[in-house]
Each structure stands twice: as structure tokens, then as C-alpha cells.
Amino acid sequence: MSGNNQAIVEACRLAYTGFENNRREPLLEFLAPDVTFEFPKSLPYGGTYRGLAEFKAFWDDLYENYYEFFNYDAHDVLDCGSHIVVPVVARARAKNGKTMENEHCFLFRVEGGKIVYGRIYADTAKGRDVLQGLQMHPSRASA
């Protein structure tokens, strides 16, 4: 099912494509003033953020206390009408110098041309381990 959210889809592409080239500002224009964003509570910066001020405070906290950079590259931006789904690869470097590459998925609910709800789905254990500085060892899995 395809929706009619072309401007939001394009803003998502700008925000989540090209790692260092991420341009998040255009996407902010599509956030409803009372937007709710949920980040997994298993991370120290996780929780529910309500409104634009709390959402922006989340990003300030992320860069002030946890990461030197946190960038994305979208696999796709899927317009599903009432929702937009954005699977991405995340690359980040924590303040302790540890780096991470992780798969995330953003889910946005759209009403009246605005994003009213967002949630990120991620492997939070990877994020926690990077922040705690745990030594990462390669998996012996075949794929």
C-alpha cells in the first residue's frame, strides 16, 4: 500500500541517507508540535519524549553525553499510507572511542501531513556494549 506522503518520504531520505551527509533539519519541519518519540528504555538515553523540545533535548543529550557521531544510511523509505518505515544502517562512535555499526528501523505514524509518533527498533545490546566499552569479538556465524 502506498500513501501520499512524498514530502515526508523525501525528508526521511535526506535525514537518513549517506551517513556523514545526513540532513535532519528538513525532517524536523514534519514533526507535529506534540510528537511522541519512543527509544528503547534498555539504553541510558531511552524513554518516551513528548513534543519538539524533548525530542531536540534527546539529540543534545546523545551528543553531549554518549556519542561523538551517530549517522545513518537508509536501505529504503517505505510509504505505507498512515505509516512510514525506514530501515537503516547506523554508524556511531561513542565518547569512549568505541565504534558501532547496527541495523535500526524507524517507524513513523503520519496524520494530517505531520509525524505524530515515532519509534526506533534497534539491537540495544550492541549500543549498550559500545557505551560500556566491552570488547567486541567476531561471531563465528556463517552469515
N, C-alpha and C. Protein backbone atom coordinates (compact mmCIF):
# COMPACT_ATOMS: atom_id res chain seq x y z
N MET A 1 0.84 -1.18 0.00
CA MET A 1 0.00 0.00 0.00
C MET A 1 0.88 1.23 0.00
N SER A 2 0.61 2.15 -0.84
CA SER A 2 1.38 3.38 -0.92
C SER A 2 0.52 4.55 -0.48
N GLY A 3 1.13 5.45 0.30
CA GLY A 3 0.40 6.62 0.78
C GLY A 3 0.74 7.84 -0.05
N ASN A 4 0.38 9.00 0.47
CA ASN A 4 0.64 10.25 -0.22
C ASN A 4 1.46 11.15 0.70
N ASN A 5 2.61 10.68 1.06
CA ASN A 5 3.49 11.37 2.00
C ASN A 5 4.82 11.73 1.34
N GLN A 6 4.78 12.10 0.06
CA GLN A 6 6.01 12.29 -0.70
C GLN A 6 6.99 13.27 -0.04
N ALA A 7 6.49 14.38 0.48
CA ALA A 7 7.39 15.36 1.11
C ALA A 7 8.06 14.79 2.35
N ILE A 8 7.32 14.01 3.14
CA ILE A 8 7.91 13.38 4.33
C ILE A 8 8.90 12.30 3.93
N VAL A 9 8.56 11.53 2.90
CA VAL A 9 9.47 10.50 2.40
C VAL A 9 10.79 11.14 1.97
N GLU A 10 10.72 12.24 1.24
CA GLU A 10 11.93 12.92 0.79
C GLU A 10 12.72 13.46 1.98
N ALA A 11 12.04 14.00 2.98
CA ALA A 11 12.73 14.49 4.19
C ALA A 11 13.42 13.34 4.92
N CYS A 12 12.79 12.16 4.93
CA CYS A 12 13.41 10.98 5.54
C CYS A 12 14.66 10.57 4.77
N ARG A 13 14.58 10.61 3.44
CA ARG A 13 15.76 10.29 2.63
C ARG A 13 16.92 11.22 2.96
N LEU A 14 16.63 12.51 3.09
CA LEU A 14 17.68 13.47 3.43
C LEU A 14 18.23 13.22 4.83
N ALA A 15 17.35 12.87 5.76
CA ALA A 15 17.77 12.69 7.15
C ALA A 15 18.56 11.40 7.37
N TYR A 16 18.26 10.37 6.58
CA TYR A 16 18.80 9.04 6.88
C TYR A 16 19.63 8.43 5.75
N THR A 17 20.10 9.22 4.81
CA THR A 17 20.90 8.67 3.72
C THR A 17 22.28 9.31 3.70
N GLY A 18 23.29 8.46 3.50
CA GLY A 18 24.63 8.96 3.24
C GLY A 18 25.51 9.18 4.45
N PHE A 19 25.19 8.59 5.60
CA PHE A 19 25.98 8.70 6.82
C PHE A 19 26.35 10.16 7.13
N GLU A 20 27.56 10.60 6.77
CA GLU A 20 28.01 11.95 7.11
C GLU A 20 27.20 13.04 6.42
N ASN A 21 26.42 12.67 5.41
CA ASN A 21 25.62 13.64 4.67
C ASN A 21 24.19 13.76 5.20
N ASN A 22 23.89 13.12 6.33
CA ASN A 22 22.54 13.20 6.91
C ASN A 22 22.16 14.66 7.13
N ARG A 23 20.95 15.00 6.66
CA ARG A 23 20.40 16.35 6.86
C ARG A 23 19.08 16.21 7.60
N ARG A 24 19.12 16.33 8.91
CA ARG A 24 17.94 16.09 9.74
C ARG A 24 16.98 17.28 9.78
N GLU A 25 17.46 18.48 9.49
CA GLU A 25 16.63 19.68 9.64
C GLU A 25 15.33 19.62 8.83
N PRO A 26 15.35 19.20 7.56
CA PRO A 26 14.08 19.16 6.81
C PRO A 26 13.03 18.24 7.46
N LEU A 27 13.47 17.16 8.09
CA LEU A 27 12.52 16.24 8.72
C LEU A 27 11.86 16.89 9.94
N LEU A 28 12.58 17.75 10.64
CA LEU A 28 12.02 18.43 11.82
C LEU A 28 10.77 19.23 11.46
N GLU A 29 10.71 19.75 10.24
CA GLU A 29 9.55 20.52 9.80
C GLU A 29 8.27 19.69 9.76
N PHE A 30 8.42 18.38 9.66
CA PHE A 30 7.26 17.49 9.55
C PHE A 30 6.87 16.85 10.87
N LEU A 31 7.54 17.21 11.95
CA LEU A 31 7.16 16.68 13.26
C LEU A 31 6.04 17.54 13.84
N ALA A 32 4.97 16.89 14.27
CA ALA A 32 3.88 17.61 14.93
C ALA A 32 4.41 18.23 16.23
N PRO A 33 3.87 19.37 16.63
CA PRO A 33 4.33 20.00 17.88
C PRO A 33 4.24 19.09 19.09
N ASP A 34 3.26 18.17 19.09
CA ASP A 34 3.09 17.26 20.22
C ASP A 34 3.55 15.84 19.88
N VAL A 35 4.51 15.71 18.94
CA VAL A 35 5.02 14.41 18.53
C VAL A 35 5.48 13.60 19.75
N THR A 36 5.28 12.30 19.68
CA THR A 36 5.79 11.37 20.70
C THR A 36 6.82 10.48 20.03
N PHE A 37 8.00 10.41 20.63
CA PHE A 37 9.07 9.54 20.13
C PHE A 37 9.46 8.58 21.22
N GLU A 38 9.57 7.30 20.87
CA GLU A 38 9.98 6.28 21.83
C GLU A 38 11.30 5.66 21.40
N PHE A 39 12.22 5.63 22.36
CA PHE A 39 13.51 4.98 22.19
C PHE A 39 13.59 3.88 23.23
N PRO A 40 14.18 2.72 22.90
CA PRO A 40 14.21 1.61 23.85
C PRO A 40 14.77 2.03 25.21
N LYS A 41 14.05 1.66 26.26
CA LYS A 41 14.44 2.03 27.61
C LYS A 41 15.64 1.25 28.13
N SER A 42 16.08 0.24 27.39
CA SER A 42 17.26 -0.51 27.80
C SER A 42 18.55 0.28 27.56
N LEU A 43 18.45 1.41 26.88
CA LEU A 43 19.60 2.30 26.67
C LEU A 43 19.52 3.44 27.67
N PRO A 44 20.67 3.97 28.09
CA PRO A 44 20.65 5.03 29.12
C PRO A 44 19.92 6.29 28.68
N TYR A 45 19.81 6.52 27.40
CA TYR A 45 19.11 7.71 26.89
C TYR A 45 17.73 7.35 26.36
N GLY A 46 17.26 6.14 26.63
CA GLY A 46 15.97 5.69 26.15
C GLY A 46 14.82 6.28 26.94
N GLY A 47 13.64 6.11 26.40
CA GLY A 47 12.44 6.60 27.06
C GLY A 47 11.48 7.20 26.06
N THR A 48 10.44 7.82 26.57
CA THR A 48 9.43 8.45 25.73
C THR A 48 9.62 9.96 25.80
N TYR A 49 9.77 10.57 24.65
CA TYR A 49 9.97 12.02 24.53
C TYR A 49 8.72 12.61 23.90
N ARG A 50 8.15 13.61 24.56
CA ARG A 50 6.91 14.22 24.07
C ARG A 50 7.16 15.67 23.68
N GLY A 51 6.80 16.01 22.46
CA GLY A 51 6.95 17.36 21.98
C GLY A 51 8.32 17.62 21.36
N LEU A 52 8.38 18.68 20.57
CA LEU A 52 9.61 19.01 19.85
C LEU A 52 10.76 19.33 20.79
N ALA A 53 10.49 20.03 21.88
CA ALA A 53 11.57 20.41 22.81
C ALA A 53 12.23 19.17 23.41
N GLU A 54 11.43 18.19 23.83
CA GLU A 54 12.00 16.96 24.39
C GLU A 54 12.73 16.17 23.32
N PHE A 55 12.19 16.14 22.10
CA PHE A 55 12.86 15.41 21.01
C PHE A 55 14.22 16.03 20.73
N LYS A 56 14.30 17.35 20.65
CA LYS A 56 15.58 18.02 20.42
C LYS A 56 16.52 17.82 21.61
N ALA A 57 15.98 17.80 22.82
CA ALA A 57 16.80 17.57 24.01
C ALA A 57 17.42 16.17 23.98
N PHE A 58 16.67 15.19 23.42
CA PHE A 58 17.22 13.84 23.26
C PHE A 58 18.51 13.89 22.45
N TRP A 59 18.49 14.57 21.30
CA TRP A 59 19.67 14.63 20.45
C TRP A 59 20.81 15.38 21.14
N ASP A 60 20.48 16.46 21.86
CA ASP A 60 21.51 17.18 22.61
C ASP A 60 22.17 16.26 23.63
N ASP A 61 21.36 15.49 24.36
CA ASP A 61 21.87 14.56 25.36
C ASP A 61 22.74 13.48 24.72
N LEU A 62 22.29 12.96 23.58
CA LEU A 62 23.02 11.90 22.89
C LEU A 62 24.44 12.35 22.55
N TYR A 63 24.57 13.57 22.00
CA TYR A 63 25.89 14.06 21.60
C TYR A 63 26.69 14.62 22.77
N GLU A 64 26.03 15.16 23.75
CA GLU A 64 26.75 15.72 24.90
C GLU A 64 27.34 14.61 25.78
N ASN A 65 26.60 13.51 25.94
CA ASN A 65 26.99 12.51 26.93
C ASN A 65 27.42 11.15 26.39
N TYR A 66 27.05 10.79 25.17
CA TYR A 66 27.26 9.42 24.74
C TYR A 66 28.06 9.24 23.45
N TYR A 67 27.79 10.02 22.44
CA TYR A 67 28.38 9.76 21.13
C TYR A 67 29.06 10.98 20.53
N GLU A 68 30.16 10.73 19.81
CA GLU A 68 30.80 11.79 19.02
C GLU A 68 30.03 12.00 17.72
N PHE A 69 29.57 10.91 17.12
CA PHE A 69 28.70 11.00 15.96
C PHE A 69 27.78 9.80 15.94
N PHE A 70 26.63 9.96 15.27
CA PHE A 70 25.64 8.90 15.12
C PHE A 70 24.93 9.17 13.81
N ASN A 71 25.30 8.42 12.77
CA ASN A 71 24.80 8.67 11.42
C ASN A 71 24.12 7.43 10.84
N TYR A 72 23.34 7.66 9.79
CA TYR A 72 22.54 6.59 9.20
C TYR A 72 22.70 6.54 7.68
N ASP A 73 22.39 5.36 7.14
CA ASP A 73 22.21 5.19 5.70
C ASP A 73 21.00 4.30 5.49
N ALA A 74 19.98 4.83 4.86
CA ALA A 74 18.71 4.12 4.69
C ALA A 74 18.83 3.03 3.63
N HIS A 75 18.26 1.88 3.94
CA HIS A 75 18.10 0.83 2.94
C HIS A 75 16.95 1.20 2.01
N ASP A 76 15.94 1.84 2.58
CA ASP A 76 14.74 2.21 1.83
C ASP A 76 13.91 3.16 2.69
N VAL A 77 12.96 3.83 2.08
CA VAL A 77 11.95 4.62 2.79
C VAL A 77 10.61 4.16 2.23
N LEU A 78 9.81 3.52 3.09
CA LEU A 78 8.58 2.89 2.65
C LEU A 78 7.37 3.69 3.11
N ASP A 79 6.60 4.18 2.16
CA ASP A 79 5.38 4.94 2.45
C ASP A 79 4.22 3.95 2.49
N CYS A 80 3.68 3.73 3.67
CA CYS A 80 2.59 2.77 3.86
C CYS A 80 1.27 3.48 4.18
N GLY A 81 1.16 4.73 3.76
CA GLY A 81 -0.08 5.47 3.99
C GLY A 81 -0.08 6.15 5.34
N SER A 82 -0.58 5.46 6.35
CA SER A 82 -0.62 6.04 7.70
C SER A 82 0.72 5.93 8.42
N HIS A 83 1.64 5.16 7.84
CA HIS A 83 2.96 4.97 8.45
C HIS A 83 4.06 5.05 7.40
N ILE A 84 5.22 5.45 7.86
CA ILE A 84 6.44 5.42 7.04
C ILE A 84 7.45 4.58 7.80
N VAL A 85 8.09 3.65 7.09
CA VAL A 85 9.06 2.74 7.67
C VAL A 85 10.41 3.00 7.01
N VAL A 86 11.45 3.15 7.85
CA VAL A 86 12.79 3.46 7.34
C VAL A 86 13.81 2.52 7.97
N PRO A 87 14.14 1.40 7.29
CA PRO A 87 15.22 0.54 7.78
C PRO A 87 16.56 1.17 7.40
N VAL A 88 17.48 1.22 8.37
CA VAL A 88 18.76 1.91 8.17
C VAL A 88 19.92 1.10 8.74
N VAL A 89 21.11 1.45 8.29
CA VAL A 89 22.34 1.04 8.96
C VAL A 89 22.80 2.26 9.75
N ALA A 90 23.11 2.06 11.01
CA ALA A 90 23.62 3.14 11.85
C ALA A 90 25.11 2.94 12.07
N ARG A 91 25.84 4.03 12.02
CA ARG A 91 27.27 4.03 12.38
C ARG A 91 27.48 5.11 13.41
N ALA A 92 28.18 4.73 14.47
CA ALA A 92 28.38 5.68 15.56
C ALA A 92 29.74 5.46 16.21
N ARG A 93 30.24 6.53 16.84
CA ARG A 93 31.42 6.41 17.69
C ARG A 93 31.06 6.99 19.05
N ALA A 94 31.20 6.17 20.06
CA ALA A 94 30.91 6.59 21.43
C ALA A 94 32.01 7.51 21.93
N LYS A 95 31.72 8.24 23.00
CA LYS A 95 32.69 9.16 23.61
C LYS A 95 33.94 8.42 24.08
N ASN A 96 33.82 7.10 24.33
CA ASN A 96 34.96 6.30 24.76
C ASN A 96 35.82 5.81 23.60
N GLY A 97 35.46 6.22 22.36
CA GLY A 97 36.24 5.84 21.18
C GLY A 97 35.78 4.57 20.49
N LYS A 98 34.90 3.80 21.12
CA LYS A 98 34.39 2.56 20.53
C LYS A 98 33.41 2.89 19.40
N THR A 99 33.47 2.11 18.33
CA THR A 99 32.58 2.32 17.20
C THR A 99 31.54 1.20 17.11
N MET A 100 30.47 1.50 16.41
CA MET A 100 29.38 0.56 16.26
C MET A 100 28.78 0.69 14.87
N GLU A 101 28.42 -0.44 14.31
CA GLU A 101 27.56 -0.47 13.13
C GLU A 101 26.39 -1.37 13.50
N ASN A 102 25.17 -0.88 13.28
CA ASN A 102 23.99 -1.56 13.79
C ASN A 102 22.82 -1.34 12.83
N GLU A 103 21.94 -2.30 12.75
CA GLU A 103 20.72 -2.17 11.97
C GLU A 103 19.63 -1.58 12.86
N HIS A 104 18.95 -0.54 12.37
CA HIS A 104 17.83 0.08 13.08
C HIS A 104 16.65 0.14 12.12
N CYS A 105 15.49 0.35 12.69
CA CYS A 105 14.30 0.57 11.88
C CYS A 105 13.46 1.65 12.54
N PHE A 106 13.18 2.71 11.81
CA PHE A 106 12.32 3.79 12.28
C PHE A 106 10.90 3.51 11.81
N LEU A 107 9.96 3.71 12.70
CA LEU A 107 8.54 3.62 12.36
C LEU A 107 7.92 4.97 12.71
N PHE A 108 7.28 5.61 11.72
CA PHE A 108 6.62 6.89 11.93
C PHE A 108 5.14 6.76 11.61
N ARG A 109 4.28 7.31 12.46
CA ARG A 109 2.85 7.39 12.15
C ARG A 109 2.56 8.81 11.70
N VAL A 110 1.83 8.93 10.59
CA VAL A 110 1.55 10.21 9.97
C VAL A 110 0.06 10.51 10.05
N GLU A 111 -0.26 11.73 10.48
CA GLU A 111 -1.64 12.20 10.49
C GLU A 111 -1.64 13.65 10.02
N GLY A 112 -2.48 13.95 9.05
CA GLY A 112 -2.60 15.32 8.57
C GLY A 112 -1.31 15.91 8.04
N GLY A 113 -0.49 15.09 7.42
CA GLY A 113 0.77 15.58 6.85
C GLY A 113 1.88 15.81 7.85
N LYS A 114 1.70 15.35 9.09
CA LYS A 114 2.72 15.52 10.13
C LYS A 114 3.03 14.17 10.78
N ILE A 115 4.26 14.02 11.24
CA ILE A 115 4.63 12.84 12.01
C ILE A 115 4.18 13.08 13.44
N VAL A 116 3.29 12.22 13.92
CA VAL A 116 2.75 12.37 15.27
C VAL A 116 3.35 11.37 16.25
N TYR A 117 3.99 10.33 15.70
CA TYR A 117 4.58 9.29 16.55
C TYR A 117 5.77 8.70 15.83
N GLY A 118 6.81 8.41 16.58
CA GLY A 118 7.97 7.74 16.05
C GLY A 118 8.52 6.75 17.06
N ARG A 119 9.07 5.68 16.56
CA ARG A 119 9.73 4.67 17.40
C ARG A 119 10.90 4.11 16.63
N ILE A 120 11.97 3.86 17.35
CA ILE A 120 13.13 3.22 16.75
C ILE A 120 13.26 1.81 17.31
N TYR A 121 13.49 0.86 16.41
CA TYR A 121 13.74 -0.53 16.78
C TYR A 121 15.20 -0.80 16.46
N ALA A 122 15.93 -1.31 17.45
CA ALA A 122 17.38 -1.49 17.28
C ALA A 122 17.88 -2.63 18.17
N ASP A 123 19.05 -3.11 17.85
CA ASP A 123 19.75 -4.06 18.70
C ASP A 123 20.37 -3.26 19.83
N THR A 124 19.64 -3.11 20.91
CA THR A 124 20.09 -2.25 22.00
C THR A 124 21.28 -2.82 22.75
N ALA A 125 21.46 -4.14 22.71
CA ALA A 125 22.62 -4.73 23.37
C ALA A 125 23.91 -4.22 22.73
N LYS A 126 23.91 -4.06 21.43
CA LYS A 126 25.08 -3.53 20.73
C LYS A 126 25.38 -2.11 21.21
N GLY A 127 24.37 -1.28 21.26
CA GLY A 127 24.56 0.09 21.73
C GLY A 127 25.06 0.14 23.16
N ARG A 128 24.47 -0.66 24.03
CA ARG A 128 24.89 -0.71 25.43
C ARG A 128 26.34 -1.17 25.55
N ASP A 129 26.70 -2.21 24.80
CA ASP A 129 28.06 -2.74 24.87
C ASP A 129 29.09 -1.72 24.40
N VAL A 130 28.77 -0.96 23.37
CA VAL A 130 29.68 0.08 22.87
C VAL A 130 29.85 1.16 23.93
N LEU A 131 28.75 1.59 24.52
CA LEU A 131 28.83 2.63 25.54
C LEU A 131 29.61 2.16 26.77
N GLN A 132 29.51 0.88 27.10
CA GLN A 132 30.22 0.36 28.27
C GLN A 132 31.66 -0.04 27.93
N GLY A 133 32.02 0.06 26.64
CA GLY A 133 33.39 -0.23 26.23
C GLY A 133 33.75 -1.70 26.21
N LEU A 134 32.76 -2.57 26.10
CA LEU A 134 33.05 -4.00 26.06
C LEU A 134 33.81 -4.37 24.79
N GLN A 135 34.72 -5.30 24.91
CA GLN A 135 35.48 -5.80 23.77
C GLN A 135 34.56 -6.62 22.88
N MET A 136 34.48 -6.25 21.60
CA MET A 136 33.65 -6.99 20.66
C MET A 136 34.51 -8.02 19.94
N HIS A 137 34.00 -9.24 19.83
CA HIS A 137 34.70 -10.31 19.12
C HIS A 137 33.84 -10.76 17.95
N PRO A 138 34.46 -11.09 16.82
CA PRO A 138 33.67 -11.51 15.67
C PRO A 138 32.89 -12.78 15.95
N SER A 139 31.70 -12.83 15.42
CA SER A 139 30.87 -14.02 15.55
C SER A 139 31.41 -15.13 14.67
N ARG A 140 31.14 -16.34 15.04
CA ARG A 140 31.55 -17.49 14.22
C ARG A 140 30.40 -17.93 13.32
N ALA A 141 29.33 -17.14 13.27
CA ALA A 141 28.20 -17.47 12.41
C ALA A 141 28.63 -17.40 10.95
N SER A 142 28.02 -18.23 10.10
CA SER A 142 28.39 -18.25 8.69
C SER A 142 27.88 -17.04 7.93
N ALA A 143 26.85 -16.38 8.47
CA ALA A 143 26.33 -15.19 7.77
C ALA A 143 25.82 -14.18 8.75
